[in-house]
Each structure stands twice: as structure tokens, then as C-alpha cells.
Amino acid sequence: MTVQPITDEQREKYKQYIEDAANKALLEAELGKDGLQKLVENGDEFQTCVTTCIKEFLVSNQCTNEKVCFSYSYPKEYKGPRPIIDQIKIIAENFDLDPSNALEFAKNLPQLPNDTEEWVGWFAVPSVDAIAEKHFPKVLDPADKYCHAVQFVHRKIAATRSFYHYRGNHLTPKRLRVSARTAQAFDLIAKKQPGDIHIVAAQLGMRYRGRSIHHACEAFVPNEFGLGSLAVGSIALVHPERLVRWEQLDMVCIGDEFAPSGDGDFSYALSFIFYDGGVRLLTRYHHDVSKFAGFISAFVL
């Protein structure tokens, strides 16, 4: 059989995947100095293992259920959402926003659906337009506004604890965008809740833990949508105890779509994890299945 030559685009994407995999493995394997040195000393054997893995992947069948049998849970330090009034005040203070409308809305919150699990609760998140108007009013394009707002949240997190983003220079509209479902959901929420801060009913990972992004999104109920990195980052800022240990559910931002190479292939999402004493932001492929994966979603009520 004739093998078609690899294109330059494929080669660049392959290198990007390998780089992402190497960064992810370095974090999850917890090698330490001695462990990494052992890997370096056995470099030839390691490269052989990588080659074998690629060959096996090419002939294996794609996982049909995209779900692991075991996964982690929330860290014991996380006791659920803080009182919604406290959340609103923290968001308002950190982002210099007006809390008045949100405080009024919080006086008469809708009833949570009876069929939602016990881990669904109320969370306060800032409006993209409100952040933009306050902190970068010259940015008018909606996609640019969102990327600027996400970076703004990251700076807020970094001001309170150790934080590192492996894609820090790549948060541009060419690589990061809000999913259509999430954008539509927040449009509906904004109509019901005018103002700088929105209140959403959300769960922080338990509902779809241990699945893939693709599988989680396919399982959404009609009024459910994924939360993106702006909302998830804001929640993590207000609830730092949600990210405090390695053996916990990560916070995968499935309301966003991320293209690592900026080539239009938005098949990744950003994921907040805890590692080495701080918060890190990595990427996760849509069909990856991991016991660490906790996918964040919310509901239009």
C-alpha cells in the first residue's frame, strides 16, 4: 500500500500534540528530579515506547463510551458554593463591578430543578461586557472582549496564588472562542439578569466526572450548557478551596473551544488543575478520558 506523504500542516499539528502530551505527562506522573533523570538516562527506550504507542493507537478502535470506571471527587476542603451574597461582593470587589442588580436578583432565586444532583448550586460570575466596559473600553469586538476578560481573570488568580498558564500567549480569538450553545445560554441569562454580575445554577465537575468533553456535552439536558474559562476562572477565584490538591477533579471549561495551533481545529478545551502548590491551566482534547476530568456545566432556569 502506498503511504501518502505527511503535509506540513499535519507535521506542525503532530508536534503540537506531542508538546501538549509531554507537558501533561510531566505534571500527572509527578516524576520529581530523580524520576525525570531516570527518564533522560533511558531516552532510547522511552522513544521506543512512544513509537509503539503510536502504532497501537493507529490500529485500535475508538473508545465508544468515553468514560472511565473510576474518577476523583472534589477535595475535602471544598464544602460547596459560598453564600451567594458573599460571592457577589467578592466578584464586585475584585473586578470593580456594580453588584446592585445581582444582589436584588439574589433575593428571589428560582427553584433548582428537582432532578439536579446535590452538588448543583448558585454561583456568581462577571459579565464579559461589564469587565470590558470597565477595564478595556476600546476593545469592541466580542471575541476580543472575551479573550481580554479571560486574561484579566487569570491575572486576578495570579495575584492571590501561584498560577501558570502554558498557553498564556495564545488566548486570542484565533485560538479561543465561546461555544455556540454557551453563548446562546448567556444571552438568555443576560436578558433575565441585566447588570454587571450574573447568577447561574452550576455544578463544578461531579455530574460528568471521568468522561470525555465530547461525551459530557452529548449528555447535556436541554437547558444545560458548558461554562467557559471566564466563568470557571471566576468561580475558582471566589472558591480557592476547590483547587487545593493533586488527587481531585480538575475543572474543565467545556463552554470554551480551544485551537492550540490556531488553525481552526477547535477540538480542545482549557482545564484548571492543581499541581506543585498552585493552579495550572492546561488543554484537554475533546475525546480524552481521564479520572481527573471534571466538566463544569450550568443551567438556564
Protein backbone atom coordinates (compact mmCIF):
# COMPACT_ATOMS: atom_id res chain seq x y z
CA MET A 1 0.00 0.00 0.00
CA THR A 2 1.33 3.43 -0.93
CA VAL A 3 1.72 5.80 2.01
CA GLN A 4 0.82 9.39 1.25
CA PRO A 5 3.43 11.94 2.35
CA ILE A 6 2.76 13.94 5.51
CA THR A 7 1.74 17.54 4.91
CA ASP A 8 3.42 20.48 6.62
CA GLU A 9 0.16 21.26 8.42
CA GLN A 10 -0.08 17.71 9.77
CA ARG A 11 3.55 17.80 10.88
CA GLU A 12 3.04 21.02 12.83
CA LYS A 13 -0.14 19.71 14.46
CA TYR A 14 1.65 16.47 15.39
CA LYS A 15 4.44 18.44 17.06
CA GLN A 16 1.83 20.45 18.97
CA TYR A 17 0.12 17.26 20.20
CA ILE A 18 3.44 15.81 21.33
CA GLU A 19 4.31 19.01 23.20
CA ASP A 20 0.91 19.05 24.93
CA ALA A 21 1.22 15.37 25.82
CA ALA A 22 4.73 15.87 27.20
CA ASN A 23 3.63 18.77 29.42
CA LYS A 24 0.59 16.85 30.64
CA ALA A 25 2.61 13.69 31.37
CA LEU A 26 5.26 15.68 33.22
CA LEU A 27 2.58 17.03 35.55
CA GLU A 28 0.50 13.90 36.05
CA ALA A 29 3.41 11.47 36.51
CA GLU A 30 4.87 13.51 39.40
CA LEU A 31 8.36 12.42 38.43
CA GLY A 32 10.49 14.68 40.57
CA LYS A 33 14.15 15.34 39.84
CA ASP A 34 15.29 11.72 40.22
CA GLY A 35 12.40 10.35 38.20
CA LEU A 36 12.99 12.72 35.32
CA GLN A 37 16.71 11.94 35.36
CA LYS A 38 15.90 8.24 35.06
CA LEU A 39 13.74 9.01 32.05
CA VAL A 40 16.56 11.00 30.47
CA GLU A 41 19.04 8.18 31.05
CA ASN A 42 16.68 5.74 29.33
CA GLY A 43 15.84 8.03 26.45
CA ASP A 44 16.18 5.39 23.72
CA GLU A 45 13.80 3.03 25.48
CA PHE A 46 11.37 5.88 26.11
CA GLN A 47 11.36 6.82 22.42
CA THR A 48 10.69 3.20 21.52
CA CYS A 49 7.70 3.17 23.87
CA VAL A 50 6.32 6.31 22.22
CA THR A 51 6.70 4.77 18.77
CA THR A 52 4.96 1.58 19.91
CA CYS A 53 2.13 3.58 21.45
CA ILE A 54 1.56 5.48 18.19
CA LYS A 55 1.46 2.24 16.20
CA GLU A 56 -1.02 0.66 18.62
CA PHE A 57 -3.20 3.76 18.53
CA LEU A 58 -3.44 3.64 14.75
CA VAL A 59 -4.88 0.13 14.78
CA SER A 60 -7.06 0.41 17.90
CA ASN A 61 -10.78 1.09 17.90
CA GLN A 62 -12.01 4.40 19.24
CA CYS A 63 -13.50 4.19 22.71
CA THR A 64 -17.26 4.11 22.29
CA ASN A 65 -18.46 5.16 25.73
CA GLU A 66 -15.59 7.56 26.52
CA LYS A 67 -15.88 7.06 30.25
CA VAL A 68 -13.63 5.62 32.96
CA CYS A 69 -14.93 3.38 35.74
CA PHE A 70 -13.18 5.34 38.48
CA SER A 71 -12.58 9.03 38.90
CA TYR A 72 -11.69 11.51 41.61
CA SER A 73 -14.04 13.77 43.53
CA TYR A 74 -13.93 17.28 44.97
CA PRO A 75 -11.18 17.97 47.50
CA LYS A 76 -12.33 17.59 51.10
CA GLU A 77 -11.67 21.30 51.65
CA TYR A 78 -14.44 22.26 49.23
CA LYS A 79 -17.79 22.32 51.05
CA GLY A 80 -19.92 23.68 48.21
CA PRO A 81 -20.67 27.19 46.96
CA ARG A 82 -20.24 30.08 49.34
CA PRO A 83 -23.35 32.13 50.21
CA ILE A 84 -24.39 33.86 47.01
CA ILE A 85 -24.33 37.33 48.59
CA ASP A 86 -20.71 36.79 49.62
CA GLN A 87 -19.84 35.62 46.11
CA ILE A 88 -21.42 38.70 44.53
CA LYS A 89 -19.49 41.01 46.83
CA ILE A 90 -16.18 39.24 46.13
CA ILE A 91 -16.73 39.42 42.36
CA ALA A 92 -17.73 43.09 42.57
CA GLU A 93 -14.67 43.96 44.63
CA ASN A 94 -12.18 42.02 42.51
CA PHE A 95 -13.48 43.26 39.16
CA ASP A 96 -14.65 46.71 40.25
CA LEU A 97 -18.22 45.99 39.12
CA ASP A 98 -21.64 47.14 40.28
CA PRO A 99 -23.29 44.42 42.42
CA SER A 100 -26.69 46.09 42.84
CA ASN A 101 -28.68 44.17 40.20
CA ALA A 102 -27.20 40.83 41.22
CA LEU A 103 -27.91 41.48 44.89
CA GLU A 104 -31.51 42.27 44.02
CA PHE A 105 -31.86 39.15 41.86
CA ALA A 106 -30.38 37.02 44.66
CA LYS A 107 -33.31 37.91 46.91
CA ASN A 108 -35.63 35.69 44.88
CA LEU A 109 -33.65 32.95 43.16
CA PRO A 110 -35.53 30.41 41.03
CA GLN A 111 -36.06 26.92 42.41
CA LEU A 112 -33.35 24.48 41.41
CA PRO A 113 -34.71 21.57 39.34
CA ASN A 114 -35.71 18.56 41.43
CA ASP A 115 -33.70 16.22 39.25
CA THR A 116 -30.38 18.03 39.69
CA GLU A 117 -27.86 16.34 41.92
CA GLU A 118 -26.93 17.64 45.32
CA TRP A 119 -23.76 19.27 44.01
CA VAL A 120 -25.63 21.82 41.85
CA GLY A 121 -25.72 25.27 43.45
CA TRP A 122 -25.71 29.01 42.79
CA PHE A 123 -22.58 30.81 41.60
CA ALA A 124 -21.85 34.44 40.74
CA VAL A 125 -19.90 35.20 37.55
CA PRO A 126 -18.97 38.53 35.94
CA SER A 127 -20.40 39.77 32.66
CA VAL A 128 -17.93 39.93 29.78
CA ASP A 129 -19.33 43.25 28.61
CA ALA A 130 -19.15 44.71 32.12
CA ILE A 131 -15.49 43.77 32.52
CA ALA A 132 -14.69 45.12 29.07
CA GLU A 133 -16.50 48.42 29.61
CA LYS A 134 -14.73 48.94 32.91
CA HIS A 135 -11.20 47.80 32.12
CA PHE A 136 -10.64 47.84 28.34
CA PRO A 137 -13.38 50.01 26.77
CA LYS A 138 -11.50 50.41 23.48
CA VAL A 139 -11.87 46.70 22.74
CA LEU A 140 -15.11 46.45 20.78
CA ASP A 141 -15.02 43.08 19.01
CA PRO A 142 -16.98 40.50 21.09
CA ALA A 143 -14.40 37.75 20.52
CA ASP A 144 -11.57 40.08 21.56
CA LYS A 145 -13.55 41.19 24.60
CA TYR A 146 -13.89 37.62 25.77
CA CYS A 147 -10.19 36.83 25.38
CA HIS A 148 -9.22 40.02 27.22
CA ALA A 149 -11.69 39.19 30.00
CA VAL A 150 -10.28 35.68 30.39
CA GLN A 151 -6.75 37.06 30.66
CA PHE A 152 -8.00 39.59 33.21
CA VAL A 153 -9.40 36.77 35.37
CA HIS A 154 -6.11 34.91 35.10
CA ARG A 155 -4.25 37.95 36.39
CA LYS A 156 -6.64 38.13 39.33
CA ILE A 157 -5.98 34.49 40.19
CA ALA A 158 -2.23 35.02 39.83
CA ALA A 159 -2.43 37.91 42.29
CA THR A 160 -3.80 35.61 45.00
CA ARG A 161 -1.89 32.35 44.49
CA SER A 162 0.66 30.58 42.32
CA PHE A 163 -0.74 30.36 38.79
CA TYR A 164 0.75 29.35 35.46
CA HIS A 165 -0.79 29.01 32.01
CA TYR A 166 1.11 27.01 29.43
CA ARG A 167 -0.83 28.80 26.67
CA GLY A 168 -0.60 32.28 28.15
CA ASN A 169 0.35 33.96 24.87
CA HIS A 170 -2.27 32.12 22.83
CA LEU A 171 -5.52 33.45 24.29
CA THR A 172 -6.65 35.21 21.14
CA PRO A 173 -9.82 34.81 19.04
CA LYS A 174 -7.81 32.70 16.62
CA ARG A 175 -7.39 30.07 19.34
CA LEU A 176 -10.07 30.66 21.98
CA ARG A 177 -13.81 31.06 21.46
CA VAL A 178 -17.08 30.52 23.32
CA SER A 179 -19.16 27.59 22.13
CA ALA A 180 -22.40 28.49 20.34
CA ARG A 181 -24.51 26.74 23.00
CA THR A 182 -22.83 28.64 25.84
CA ALA A 183 -23.05 31.99 24.05
CA GLN A 184 -26.77 31.48 23.48
CA ALA A 185 -27.30 30.49 27.11
CA PHE A 186 -25.60 33.60 28.47
CA ASP A 187 -27.61 35.77 26.09
CA LEU A 188 -30.76 34.36 27.69
CA ILE A 189 -29.36 34.82 31.20
CA ALA A 190 -28.37 38.43 30.48
CA LYS A 191 -31.93 39.23 29.39
CA LYS A 192 -33.27 37.94 32.70
CA GLN A 193 -30.43 39.42 34.73
CA PRO A 194 -29.31 42.82 33.41
CA GLY A 195 -26.25 44.12 35.20
CA ASP A 196 -22.55 43.52 35.77
CA ILE A 197 -22.80 40.17 37.55
CA HIS A 198 -24.85 37.10 36.67
CA ILE A 199 -26.00 34.30 38.97
CA VAL A 200 -26.02 30.80 37.48
CA ALA A 201 -27.01 27.36 38.73
CA ALA A 202 -23.94 25.23 38.12
CA GLN A 203 -22.02 22.12 39.12
CA LEU A 204 -18.25 22.00 39.37
CA GLY A 205 -17.39 18.65 37.85
CA MET A 206 -19.13 15.77 39.63
CA ARG A 207 -22.03 15.46 37.19
CA TYR A 208 -19.82 14.32 34.30
CA ARG A 209 -16.63 13.27 36.04
CA GLY A 210 -14.35 10.80 34.33
CA ARG A 211 -15.82 11.23 30.86
CA SER A 212 -14.61 12.99 27.74
CA ILE A 213 -15.64 16.50 26.74
CA HIS A 214 -17.50 15.04 23.78
CA HIS A 215 -19.38 12.56 25.95
CA ALA A 216 -20.25 15.16 28.60
CA CYS A 217 -21.66 17.61 26.05
CA GLU A 218 -23.68 14.86 24.39
CA ALA A 219 -25.26 14.09 27.78
CA PHE A 220 -26.47 17.66 28.43
CA VAL A 221 -30.15 18.09 29.22
CA PRO A 222 -31.93 20.69 27.01
CA ASN A 223 -31.36 23.66 29.34
CA GLU A 224 -27.76 22.74 30.24
CA PHE A 225 -24.59 24.29 28.83
CA GLY A 226 -20.86 24.28 29.50
CA LEU A 227 -19.13 27.05 31.42
CA GLY A 228 -16.11 28.68 29.82
CA SER A 229 -12.80 29.76 31.28
CA LEU A 230 -14.07 33.23 32.26
CA ALA A 231 -16.86 31.83 34.44
CA VAL A 232 -14.82 28.88 35.72
CA GLY A 233 -11.83 31.10 36.48
CA SER A 234 -14.08 33.50 38.39
CA ILE A 235 -15.58 30.64 40.39
CA ALA A 236 -12.09 29.34 41.17
CA LEU A 237 -11.08 32.83 42.30
CA VAL A 238 -14.01 33.01 44.74
CA HIS A 239 -13.62 29.35 45.81
CA PRO A 240 -9.85 28.75 46.03
CA GLU A 241 -10.53 25.64 48.13
CA ARG A 242 -11.90 23.91 45.02
CA LEU A 243 -8.34 23.62 43.67
CA VAL A 244 -6.04 22.62 46.52
CA ARG A 245 -4.74 19.11 45.89
CA TRP A 246 -3.49 16.89 43.08
CA GLU A 247 -5.88 13.98 43.67
CA GLN A 248 -9.06 15.86 42.85
CA LEU A 249 -11.32 16.56 39.90
CA ASP A 250 -9.86 19.15 37.55
CA MET A 251 -12.10 21.99 36.35
CA VAL A 252 -12.51 21.57 32.59
CA CYS A 253 -14.01 24.61 30.84
CA ILE A 254 -16.29 22.93 28.31
CA GLY A 255 -18.08 26.16 27.44
CA ASP A 256 -14.98 27.21 25.52
CA GLU A 257 -13.35 25.77 22.42
CA PHE A 258 -9.59 25.99 22.01
CA ALA A 259 -7.38 25.56 18.94
CA PRO A 260 -3.75 25.12 20.10
CA SER A 261 -2.28 25.72 16.65
CA GLY A 262 -4.68 28.48 15.64
CA ASP A 263 -5.58 26.51 12.54
CA GLY A 264 -9.34 26.36 13.03
CA ASP A 265 -9.30 22.97 14.76
CA PHE A 266 -11.14 23.90 17.97
CA SER A 267 -11.07 20.37 19.40
CA TYR A 268 -9.60 21.24 22.81
CA ALA A 269 -10.75 22.98 25.99
CA LEU A 270 -8.87 24.72 28.78
CA SER A 271 -8.63 22.97 32.15
CA PHE A 272 -7.76 24.34 35.59
CA ILE A 273 -5.74 21.87 37.66
CA PHE A 274 -3.79 21.95 40.92
CA TYR A 275 -0.13 20.96 40.78
CA ASP A 276 3.06 21.72 42.68
CA GLY A 277 1.41 24.06 45.15
CA GLY A 278 -0.52 26.16 42.64
CA VAL A 279 -3.11 26.39 39.90
CA ARG A 280 -2.13 25.48 36.36
CA LEU A 281 -4.10 25.86 33.14
CA LEU A 282 -3.68 23.09 30.58
CA THR A 283 -5.52 21.94 27.48
CA ARG A 284 -7.65 18.82 27.16
CA TYR A 285 -8.62 17.10 23.90
CA HIS A 286 -12.34 16.59 23.28
CA HIS A 287 -12.11 12.78 23.23
CA ASP A 288 -9.61 12.35 26.08
CA VAL A 289 -10.91 10.30 29.01
CA SER A 290 -9.34 10.81 32.43
CA LYS A 291 -10.16 10.04 36.05
CA PHE A 292 -9.04 13.62 36.79
CA ALA A 293 -11.56 15.22 34.44
CA GLY A 294 -14.43 17.19 35.96
CA PHE A 295 -16.55 19.05 33.41
CA ILE A 296 -18.21 22.28 34.53
CA SER A 297 -21.77 22.98 33.39
CA ALA A 298 -24.68 25.26 34.24
CA PHE A 299 -28.41 25.54 33.62
CA VAL A 300 -30.73 28.16 32.16
CA LEU A 301 -33.62 28.45 34.62
